[in-house]
Amino acid sequence: MNSIHEIVQQVLTTGYLTINTEDQLRRLLSTKYGKEDFYAFMHLQQAAMTGRVKQESRELKYLKTV
C-alpha cells in the first residue's frame, strides 16, 4: 500500500483527485501515520482549496445539481 505522501505526490502531479484515491486516503488517515504524511495531506488540502487540484467527487456532485 502506498503512503499518504506518495499518493499526494501523484495527485499533485496529475492535478486530479479521483474518488478511489479519496477513499484510499481516508483509509490511510484512519491509521497511524508520520509527520511527513500529515504535512503532505495538508498540502493536498491547500491545493484542492486553491483549485490546483480538481476533485472527481465535487465534479460529480456539481453535475447532479445541474
PDB file of N, CA and C in Angstrom:
ATOM      1  N   MET A   1       0.846  -1.182   0.000  1.00  0.00           N
ATOM      2  CA  MET A   1       0.000   0.000   0.000  1.00  0.00           C
ATOM      3  C   MET A   1       0.886   1.238   0.000  1.00  0.00           C
ATOM      4  N   ASN A   2       0.464   2.235  -0.734  1.00  0.00           N
ATOM      5  CA  ASN A   2       1.214   3.486  -0.803  1.00  0.00           C
ATOM      6  C   ASN A   2       1.037   4.291   0.475  1.00  0.00           C
ATOM      7  N   SER A   3       1.990   5.157   0.741  1.00  0.00           N
ATOM      8  CA  SER A   3       1.868   6.065   1.880  1.00  0.00           C
ATOM      9  C   SER A   3       1.056   7.283   1.455  1.00  0.00           C
ATOM     10  N   ILE A   4       0.590   8.030   2.425  1.00  0.00           N
ATOM     11  CA  ILE A   4      -0.148   9.255   2.151  1.00  0.00           C
ATOM     12  C   ILE A   4       0.713  10.185   1.310  1.00  0.00           C
ATOM     13  N   HIS A   5       1.966  10.302   1.681  1.00  0.00           N
ATOM     14  CA  HIS A   5       2.891  11.180   0.966  1.00  0.00           C
ATOM     15  C   HIS A   5       2.992  10.793  -0.513  1.00  0.00           C
ATOM     16  N   GLU A   6       3.122   9.513  -0.794  1.00  0.00           N
ATOM     17  CA  GLU A   6       3.238   9.048  -2.183  1.00  0.00           C
ATOM     18  C   GLU A   6       1.967   9.334  -2.980  1.00  0.00           C
ATOM     19  N   ILE A   7       0.827   9.115  -2.355  1.00  0.00           N
ATOM     20  CA  ILE A   7      -0.445   9.368  -3.026  1.00  0.00           C
ATOM     21  C   ILE A   7      -0.598  10.855  -3.320  1.00  0.00           C
ATOM     22  N   VAL A   8      -0.265  11.686  -2.346  1.00  0.00           N
ATOM     23  CA  VAL A   8      -0.370  13.131  -2.524  1.00  0.00           C
ATOM     24  C   VAL A   8       0.535  13.587  -3.668  1.00  0.00           C
ATOM     25  N   GLN A   9       1.739  13.069  -3.736  1.00  0.00           N
ATOM     26  CA  GLN A   9       2.653  13.438  -4.823  1.00  0.00           C
ATOM     27  C   GLN A   9       2.037  13.096  -6.180  1.00  0.00           C
ATOM     28  N   GLN A  10       1.418  11.935  -6.265  1.00  0.00           N
ATOM     29  CA  GLN A  10       0.784  11.502  -7.507  1.00  0.00           C
ATOM     30  C   GLN A  10      -0.373  12.444  -7.867  1.00  0.00           C
ATOM     31  N   VAL A  11      -1.192  12.783  -6.888  1.00  0.00           N
ATOM     32  CA  VAL A  11      -2.331  13.676  -7.138  1.00  0.00           C
ATOM     33  C   VAL A  11      -1.851  15.068  -7.552  1.00  0.00           C
ATOM     34  N   LEU A  12      -0.839  15.567  -6.888  1.00  0.00           N
ATOM     35  CA  LEU A  12      -0.313  16.890  -7.238  1.00  0.00           C
ATOM     36  C   LEU A  12       0.282  16.891  -8.644  1.00  0.00           C
ATOM     37  N   THR A  13       0.873  15.798  -9.040  1.00  0.00           N
ATOM     38  CA  THR A  13       1.452  15.684 -10.375  1.00  0.00           C
ATOM     39  C   THR A  13       0.366  15.682 -11.446  1.00  0.00           C
ATOM     40  N   THR A  14      -0.708  14.928 -11.198  1.00  0.00           N
ATOM     41  CA  THR A  14      -1.780  14.831 -12.189  1.00  0.00           C
ATOM     42  C   THR A  14      -2.759  16.001 -12.088  1.00  0.00           C
ATOM     43  N   GLY A  15      -2.857  16.594 -10.900  1.00  0.00           N
ATOM     44  CA  GLY A  15      -3.808  17.679 -10.695  1.00  0.00           C
ATOM     45  C   GLY A  15      -5.231  17.199 -10.523  1.00  0.00           C
ATOM     46  N   TYR A  16      -5.401  15.894 -10.275  1.00  0.00           N
ATOM     47  CA  TYR A  16      -6.749  15.329 -10.204  1.00  0.00           C
ATOM     48  C   TYR A  16      -6.829  14.295  -9.076  1.00  0.00           C
ATOM     49  N   LEU A  17      -7.853  14.443  -8.246  1.00  0.00           N
ATOM     50  CA  LEU A  17      -8.085  13.528  -7.125  1.00  0.00           C
ATOM     51  C   LEU A  17      -9.332  12.705  -7.421  1.00  0.00           C
ATOM     52  N   THR A  18      -9.135  11.421  -7.682  1.00  0.00           N
ATOM     53  CA  THR A  18     -10.259  10.550  -8.005  1.00  0.00           C
ATOM     54  C   THR A  18     -10.978  10.118  -6.735  1.00  0.00           C
ATOM     55  N   ILE A  19     -12.171   9.597  -6.909  1.00  0.00           N
ATOM     56  CA  ILE A  19     -12.948   9.085  -5.784  1.00  0.00           C
ATOM     57  C   ILE A  19     -12.206   7.923  -5.137  1.00  0.00           C
ATOM     58  N   ASN A  20     -11.630   7.040  -5.959  1.00  0.00           N
ATOM     59  CA  ASN A  20     -10.879   5.897  -5.416  1.00  0.00           C
ATOM     60  C   ASN A  20      -9.689   6.359  -4.583  1.00  0.00           C
ATOM     61  N   THR A  21      -9.009   7.385  -5.052  1.00  0.00           N
ATOM     62  CA  THR A  21      -7.865   7.904  -4.307  1.00  0.00           C
ATOM     63  C   THR A  21      -8.322   8.553  -3.008  1.00  0.00           C
ATOM     64  N   GLU A  22      -9.449   9.273  -3.044  1.00  0.00           N
ATOM     65  CA  GLU A  22     -10.003   9.847  -1.807  1.00  0.00           C
ATOM     66  C   GLU A  22     -10.291   8.753  -0.789  1.00  0.00           C
ATOM     67  N   ASP A  23     -10.888   7.653  -1.258  1.00  0.00           N
ATOM     68  CA  ASP A  23     -11.185   6.530  -0.358  1.00  0.00           C
ATOM     69  C   ASP A  23      -9.914   5.937   0.227  1.00  0.00           C
ATOM     70  N   GLN A  24      -8.904   5.801  -0.607  1.00  0.00           N
ATOM     71  CA  GLN A  24      -7.623   5.259  -0.142  1.00  0.00           C
ATOM     72  C   GLN A  24      -7.010   6.184   0.912  1.00  0.00           C
ATOM     73  N   LEU A  25      -7.069   7.482   0.689  1.00  0.00           N
ATOM     74  CA  LEU A  25      -6.550   8.438   1.671  1.00  0.00           C
ATOM     75  C   LEU A  25      -7.328   8.362   2.979  1.00  0.00           C
ATOM     76  N   ARG A  26      -8.653   8.229   2.894  1.00  0.00           N
ATOM     77  CA  ARG A  26      -9.456   8.100   4.121  1.00  0.00           C
ATOM     78  C   ARG A  26      -9.020   6.886   4.945  1.00  0.00           C
ATOM     79  N   ARG A  27      -8.807   5.766   4.248  1.00  0.00           N
ATOM     80  CA  ARG A  27      -8.372   4.552   4.960  1.00  0.00           C
ATOM     81  C   ARG A  27      -7.014   4.773   5.626  1.00  0.00           C
ATOM     82  N   LEU A  28      -6.086   5.375   4.896  1.00  0.00           N
ATOM     83  CA  LEU A  28      -4.752   5.602   5.451  1.00  0.00           C
ATOM     84  C   LEU A  28      -4.785   6.610   6.601  1.00  0.00           C
ATOM     85  N   LEU A  29      -5.651   7.610   6.502  1.00  0.00           N
ATOM     86  CA  LEU A  29      -5.734   8.617   7.561  1.00  0.00           C
ATOM     87  C   LEU A  29      -6.360   8.062   8.837  1.00  0.00           C
ATOM     88  N   SER A  30      -7.033   6.924   8.729  1.00  0.00           N
ATOM     89  CA  SER A  30      -7.622   6.317   9.930  1.00  0.00           C
ATOM     90  C   SER A  30      -6.621   5.426  10.671  1.00  0.00           C
ATOM     91  N   THR A  31      -5.397   5.331  10.125  1.00  0.00           N
ATOM     92  CA  THR A  31      -4.339   4.554  10.775  1.00  0.00           C
ATOM     93  C   THR A  31      -3.257   5.519  11.271  1.00  0.00           C
ATOM     94  N   LYS A  32      -2.241   4.965  11.906  1.00  0.00           N
ATOM     95  CA  LYS A  32      -1.119   5.815  12.336  1.00  0.00           C
ATOM     96  C   LYS A  32      -0.302   6.231  11.126  1.00  0.00           C
ATOM     97  N   TYR A  33       0.103   7.486  11.132  1.00  0.00           N
ATOM     98  CA  TYR A  33       0.942   7.997  10.055  1.00  0.00           C
ATOM     99  C   TYR A  33       1.894   9.034  10.629  1.00  0.00           C
ATOM    100  N   GLY A  34       2.958   9.289   9.893  1.00  0.00           N
ATOM    101  CA  GLY A  34       4.006  10.176  10.377  1.00  0.00           C
ATOM    102  C   GLY A  34       3.802  11.623   9.986  1.00  0.00           C
ATOM    103  N   LYS A  35       4.740  12.418  10.436  1.00  0.00           N
ATOM    104  CA  LYS A  35       4.709  13.863  10.197  1.00  0.00           C
ATOM    105  C   LYS A  35       4.759  14.193   8.699  1.00  0.00           C
ATOM    106  N   GLU A  36       5.581  13.464   7.965  1.00  0.00           N
ATOM    107  CA  GLU A  36       5.695  13.701   6.522  1.00  0.00           C
ATOM    108  C   GLU A  36       4.345  13.505   5.833  1.00  0.00           C
ATOM    109  N   ASP A  37       3.627  12.449   6.209  1.00  0.00           N
ATOM    110  CA  ASP A  37       2.310  12.199   5.637  1.00  0.00           C
ATOM    111  C   ASP A  37       1.315  13.275   6.049  1.00  0.00           C
ATOM    112  N   PHE A  38       1.384  13.721   7.277  1.00  0.00           N
ATOM    113  CA  PHE A  38       0.497  14.771   7.767  1.00  0.00           C
ATOM    114  C   PHE A  38       0.689  16.054   6.954  1.00  0.00           C
ATOM    115  N   TYR A  39       1.925  16.468   6.789  1.00  0.00           N
ATOM    116  CA  TYR A  39       2.204  17.682   6.031  1.00  0.00           C
ATOM    117  C   TYR A  39       1.828  17.533   4.558  1.00  0.00           C
ATOM    118  N   ALA A  40       2.035  16.356   4.015  1.00  0.00           N
ATOM    119  CA  ALA A  40       1.648  16.115   2.625  1.00  0.00           C
ATOM    120  C   ALA A  40       0.141  16.245   2.462  1.00  0.00           C
ATOM    121  N   PHE A  41      -0.613  15.702   3.397  1.00  0.00           N
ATOM    122  CA  PHE A  41      -2.063  15.805   3.317  1.00  0.00           C
ATOM    123  C   PHE A  41      -2.522  17.256   3.447  1.00  0.00           C
ATOM    124  N   MET A  42      -1.887  18.002   4.335  1.00  0.00           N
ATOM    125  CA  MET A  42      -2.225  19.424   4.470  1.00  0.00           C
ATOM    126  C   MET A  42      -1.952  20.157   3.151  1.00  0.00           C
ATOM    127  N   HIS A  43      -0.867  19.816   2.508  1.00  0.00           N
ATOM    128  CA  HIS A  43      -0.517  20.427   1.223  1.00  0.00           C
ATOM    129  C   HIS A  43      -1.584  20.090   0.176  1.00  0.00           C
ATOM    130  N   LEU A  44      -2.066  18.862   0.181  1.00  0.00           N
ATOM    131  CA  LEU A  44      -3.112  18.451  -0.751  1.00  0.00           C
ATOM    132  C   LEU A  44      -4.403  19.230  -0.493  1.00  0.00           C
ATOM    133  N   GLN A  45      -4.753  19.396   0.762  1.00  0.00           N
ATOM    134  CA  GLN A  45      -5.956  20.165   1.088  1.00  0.00           C
ATOM    135  C   GLN A  45      -5.844  21.594   0.559  1.00  0.00           C
ATOM    136  N   GLN A  46      -4.695  22.198   0.748  1.00  0.00           N
ATOM    137  CA  GLN A  46      -4.483  23.561   0.268  1.00  0.00           C
ATOM    138  C   GLN A  46      -4.584  23.615  -1.260  1.00  0.00           C
ATOM    139  N   ALA A  47      -4.006  22.644  -1.918  1.00  0.00           N
ATOM    140  CA  ALA A  47      -4.057  22.600  -3.382  1.00  0.00           C
ATOM    141  C   ALA A  47      -5.495  22.445  -3.874  1.00  0.00           C
ATOM    142  N   ALA A  48      -6.291  21.657  -3.183  1.00  0.00           N
ATOM    143  CA  ALA A  48      -7.692  21.486  -3.568  1.00  0.00           C
ATOM    144  C   ALA A  48      -8.474  22.772  -3.323  1.00  0.00           C
ATOM    145  N   MET A  49      -8.207  23.449  -2.225  1.00  0.00           N
ATOM    146  CA  MET A  49      -8.924  24.682  -1.902  1.00  0.00           C
ATOM    147  C   MET A  49      -8.603  25.807  -2.885  1.00  0.00           C
ATOM    148  N   THR A  50      -7.392  25.819  -3.395  1.00  0.00           N
ATOM    149  CA  THR A  50      -6.990  26.887  -4.316  1.00  0.00           C
ATOM    150  C   THR A  50      -7.244  26.530  -5.778  1.00  0.00           C
ATOM    151  N   GLY A  51      -7.742  25.326  -6.019  1.00  0.00           N
ATOM    152  CA  GLY A  51      -8.076  24.924  -7.380  1.00  0.00           C
ATOM    153  C   GLY A  51      -6.946  24.305  -8.169  1.00  0.00           C
ATOM    154  N   ARG A  52      -5.805  24.094  -7.534  1.00  0.00           N
ATOM    155  CA  ARG A  52      -4.681  23.449  -8.235  1.00  0.00           C
ATOM    156  C   ARG A  52      -4.934  21.966  -8.446  1.00  0.00           C
ATOM    157  N   VAL A  53      -5.833  21.407  -7.628  1.00  0.00           N
ATOM    158  CA  VAL A  53      -6.224  20.005  -7.758  1.00  0.00           C
ATOM    159  C   VAL A  53      -7.741  19.963  -7.903  1.00  0.00           C
ATOM    160  N   LYS A  54      -8.202  19.260  -8.911  1.00  0.00           N
ATOM    161  CA  LYS A  54      -9.644  19.075  -9.102  1.00  0.00           C
ATOM    162  C   LYS A  54     -10.051  17.761  -8.459  1.00  0.00           C
ATOM    163  N   GLN A  55     -11.270  17.737  -7.899  1.00  0.00           N
ATOM    164  CA  GLN A  55     -11.771  16.550  -7.224  1.00  0.00           C
ATOM    165  C   GLN A  55     -12.920  15.948  -8.013  1.00  0.00           C
ATOM    166  N   GLU A  56     -12.778  14.683  -8.351  1.00  0.00           N
ATOM    167  CA  GLU A  56     -13.815  13.983  -9.088  1.00  0.00           C
ATOM    168  C   GLU A  56     -15.143  14.013  -8.322  1.00  0.00           C
ATOM    169  N   SER A  57     -15.108  13.840  -7.024  1.00  0.00           N
ATOM    170  CA  SER A  57     -16.340  13.812  -6.232  1.00  0.00           C
ATOM    171  C   SER A  57     -17.089  15.135  -6.315  1.00  0.00           C
ATOM    172  N   ARG A  58     -16.376  16.242  -6.309  1.00  0.00           N
ATOM    173  CA  ARG A  58     -17.026  17.563  -6.422  1.00  0.00           C
ATOM    174  C   ARG A  58     -17.588  17.772  -7.828  1.00  0.00           C
ATOM    175  N   GLU A  59     -16.884  17.296  -8.829  1.00  0.00           N
ATOM    176  CA  GLU A  59     -17.382  17.423 -10.200  1.00  0.00           C
ATOM    177  C   GLU A  59     -18.676  16.639 -10.381  1.00  0.00           C
ATOM    178  N   LEU A  60     -18.716  15.435  -9.829  1.00  0.00           N
ATOM    179  CA  LEU A  60     -19.924  14.616  -9.943  1.00  0.00           C
ATOM    180  C   LEU A  60     -21.081  15.233  -9.165  1.00  0.00           C
ATOM    181  N   LYS A  61     -20.775  15.783  -8.001  1.00  0.00           N
ATOM    182  CA  LYS A  61     -21.802  16.438  -7.198  1.00  0.00           C
ATOM    183  C   LYS A  61     -22.378  17.629  -7.961  1.00  0.00           C
ATOM    184  N   TYR A  62     -21.524  18.391  -8.617  1.00  0.00           N
ATOM    185  CA  TYR A  62     -21.963  19.539  -9.394  1.00  0.00           C
ATOM    186  C   TYR A  62     -22.850  19.088 -10.566  1.00  0.00           C
ATOM    187  N   LEU A  63     -22.464  18.030 -11.243  1.00  0.00           N
ATOM    188  CA  LEU A  63     -23.244  17.539 -12.390  1.00  0.00           C
ATOM    189  C   LEU A  63     -24.633  17.073 -11.966  1.00  0.00           C
ATOM    190  N   LYS A  64     -24.765  16.541 -10.755  1.00  0.00           N
ATOM    191  CA  LYS A  64     -26.062  16.076 -10.271  1.00  0.00           C
ATOM    192  C   LYS A  64     -26.997  17.240  -9.966  1.00  0.00           C
ATOM    193  N   THR A  65     -26.443  18.404  -9.666  1.00  0.00           N
ATOM    194  CA  THR A  65     -27.272  19.548  -9.330  1.00  0.00           C
ATOM    195  C   THR A  65     -27.648  20.379 -10.553  1.00  0.00           C
ATOM    196  N   VAL A  66     -26.990  20.112 -11.666  1.00  0.00           N
ATOM    197  CA  VAL A  66     -27.257  20.881 -12.899  1.00  0.00           C
ATOM    198  C   VAL A  66     -28.376  20.243 -13.669  1.00  0.00           C
TER     199      VAL A  66
END
